[in-house]
Amino acid sequence: MLRFPTGTLGAQSFPTTLIVDRQGRLAARALGGQIDDVLESMLQPVLAEQQS
């Protein structure tokens, strides 16, 4: 189960999309339905991060 510090997430509507980076940090959040282009634009910076 993912745990986030109190007050940092606030996912109160559904659907909610969370993008978590390689270190387990919340990298992006989107509330409501999203189209493919929006999701891809949210994922690209995370995927481009250097692997450690």
N, C-alpha and C. Protein backbone atom coordinates (compact mmCIF):
# COMPACT_ATOMS: atom_id res chain seq x y z
N MET A 1 0.84 -1.17 0.00
CA MET A 1 0.00 0.00 0.00
C MET A 1 0.89 1.24 0.00
N LEU A 2 0.53 2.22 -0.82
CA LEU A 2 1.28 3.47 -0.87
C LEU A 2 0.87 4.36 0.29
N ARG A 3 1.84 4.98 0.92
CA ARG A 3 1.57 5.91 2.01
C ARG A 3 2.21 7.25 1.66
N PHE A 4 1.45 8.31 1.82
CA PHE A 4 1.93 9.65 1.55
C PHE A 4 1.77 10.49 2.81
N PRO A 5 2.65 11.47 3.01
CA PRO A 5 2.53 12.32 4.19
C PRO A 5 1.15 12.98 4.24
N THR A 6 0.60 13.12 5.44
CA THR A 6 -0.71 13.71 5.63
C THR A 6 -0.77 15.10 4.98
N GLY A 7 -1.83 15.32 4.20
CA GLY A 7 -2.04 16.61 3.57
C GLY A 7 -1.37 16.81 2.24
N THR A 8 -0.60 15.84 1.76
CA THR A 8 0.12 16.02 0.49
C THR A 8 -0.62 15.46 -0.70
N LEU A 9 -1.60 14.61 -0.46
CA LEU A 9 -2.26 13.94 -1.58
C LEU A 9 -3.63 14.52 -1.86
N GLY A 10 -4.54 14.43 -0.95
CA GLY A 10 -5.86 15.00 -1.10
C GLY A 10 -6.65 14.43 -2.28
N ALA A 11 -6.50 13.15 -2.56
CA ALA A 11 -7.25 12.53 -3.66
C ALA A 11 -8.69 12.35 -3.21
N GLN A 12 -9.54 13.30 -3.59
CA GLN A 12 -10.91 13.29 -3.11
C GLN A 12 -11.93 13.06 -4.21
N SER A 13 -11.51 12.98 -5.43
CA SER A 13 -12.46 12.70 -6.50
C SER A 13 -11.98 11.50 -7.29
N PHE A 14 -12.90 10.88 -7.95
CA PHE A 14 -12.57 9.70 -8.74
C PHE A 14 -12.97 9.95 -10.16
N PRO A 15 -12.24 9.50 -11.14
CA PRO A 15 -10.97 8.82 -10.97
C PRO A 15 -9.84 9.78 -10.62
N THR A 16 -8.84 9.27 -9.97
CA THR A 16 -7.63 10.01 -9.64
C THR A 16 -6.44 9.23 -10.17
N THR A 17 -5.57 9.90 -10.91
CA THR A 17 -4.37 9.27 -11.45
C THR A 17 -3.17 9.77 -10.68
N LEU A 18 -2.36 8.86 -10.18
CA LEU A 18 -1.13 9.20 -9.47
C LEU A 18 0.05 8.65 -10.25
N ILE A 19 1.07 9.48 -10.46
CA ILE A 19 2.31 9.06 -11.10
C ILE A 19 3.38 9.09 -10.02
N VAL A 20 4.00 7.95 -9.78
CA VAL A 20 5.01 7.82 -8.74
C VAL A 20 6.36 7.61 -9.41
N ASP A 21 7.38 8.37 -8.99
CA ASP A 21 8.70 8.25 -9.62
C ASP A 21 9.45 7.04 -9.08
N ARG A 22 10.66 6.86 -9.59
CA ARG A 22 11.47 5.68 -9.23
C ARG A 22 11.83 5.62 -7.75
N GLN A 23 11.83 6.78 -7.08
CA GLN A 23 12.15 6.81 -5.67
C GLN A 23 10.90 6.70 -4.80
N GLY A 24 9.74 6.49 -5.43
CA GLY A 24 8.50 6.35 -4.68
C GLY A 24 7.84 7.66 -4.32
N ARG A 25 8.31 8.77 -4.90
CA ARG A 25 7.73 10.08 -4.62
C ARG A 25 6.59 10.36 -5.60
N LEU A 26 5.62 11.11 -5.14
CA LEU A 26 4.52 11.52 -5.99
C LEU A 26 5.04 12.53 -7.01
N ALA A 27 5.01 12.16 -8.29
CA ALA A 27 5.55 13.02 -9.34
C ALA A 27 4.46 13.83 -10.02
N ALA A 28 3.23 13.30 -10.07
CA ALA A 28 2.13 14.01 -10.71
C ALA A 28 0.81 13.44 -10.21
N ARG A 29 -0.21 14.29 -10.27
CA ARG A 29 -1.55 13.87 -9.87
C ARG A 29 -2.54 14.53 -10.80
N ALA A 30 -3.53 13.79 -11.22
CA ALA A 30 -4.59 14.33 -12.07
C ALA A 30 -5.93 13.86 -11.55
N LEU A 31 -6.84 14.79 -11.39
CA LEU A 31 -8.17 14.47 -10.92
C LEU A 31 -9.12 14.44 -12.11
N GLY A 32 -9.98 13.45 -12.14
CA GLY A 32 -10.93 13.31 -13.24
C GLY A 32 -10.34 12.48 -14.36
N GLY A 33 -11.17 12.20 -15.34
CA GLY A 33 -10.73 11.41 -16.48
C GLY A 33 -9.69 12.16 -17.31
N GLN A 34 -8.74 11.44 -17.86
CA GLN A 34 -7.67 12.04 -18.66
C GLN A 34 -7.58 11.33 -20.00
N ILE A 35 -7.23 12.08 -21.02
CA ILE A 35 -7.01 11.48 -22.33
C ILE A 35 -5.57 11.00 -22.43
N ASP A 36 -5.32 10.14 -23.39
CA ASP A 36 -3.98 9.54 -23.54
C ASP A 36 -2.86 10.56 -23.62
N ASP A 37 -3.08 11.65 -24.38
CA ASP A 37 -2.03 12.65 -24.55
C ASP A 37 -1.65 13.30 -23.22
N VAL A 38 -2.62 13.55 -22.38
CA VAL A 38 -2.34 14.16 -21.08
C VAL A 38 -1.56 13.20 -20.21
N LEU A 39 -2.00 11.95 -20.17
CA LEU A 39 -1.28 10.95 -19.36
C LEU A 39 0.15 10.77 -19.85
N GLU A 40 0.34 10.74 -21.16
CA GLU A 40 1.69 10.59 -21.70
C GLU A 40 2.57 11.77 -21.32
N SER A 41 2.01 12.99 -21.37
CA SER A 41 2.80 14.18 -21.01
C SER A 41 3.15 14.17 -19.52
N MET A 42 2.33 13.53 -18.70
CA MET A 42 2.64 13.41 -17.28
C MET A 42 3.72 12.35 -17.04
N LEU A 43 3.70 11.30 -17.82
CA LEU A 43 4.64 10.20 -17.65
C LEU A 43 6.04 10.47 -18.22
N GLN A 44 6.11 11.22 -19.30
CA GLN A 44 7.39 11.41 -19.99
C GLN A 44 8.51 11.93 -19.08
N PRO A 45 8.28 12.96 -18.26
CA PRO A 45 9.39 13.42 -17.39
C PRO A 45 9.84 12.36 -16.39
N VAL A 46 8.92 11.56 -15.90
CA VAL A 46 9.27 10.50 -14.95
C VAL A 46 10.08 9.42 -15.64
N LEU A 47 9.66 9.04 -16.84
CA LEU A 47 10.38 8.02 -17.59
C LEU A 47 11.77 8.51 -18.01
N ALA A 48 11.92 9.82 -18.19
CA ALA A 48 13.19 10.38 -18.63
C ALA A 48 14.20 10.53 -17.48
N GLU A 49 13.73 10.40 -16.24
CA GLU A 49 14.65 10.51 -15.10
C GLU A 49 15.73 9.46 -15.20
N GLN A 50 16.92 9.84 -14.81
CA GLN A 50 18.04 8.91 -14.84
C GLN A 50 17.83 7.81 -13.81
N GLN A 51 18.00 6.57 -14.24
CA GLN A 51 17.89 5.44 -13.32
C GLN A 51 19.11 5.41 -12.42
N SER A 52 18.88 5.14 -11.14
CA SER A 52 20.04 5.05 -10.23
C SER A 52 20.27 3.65 -9.78
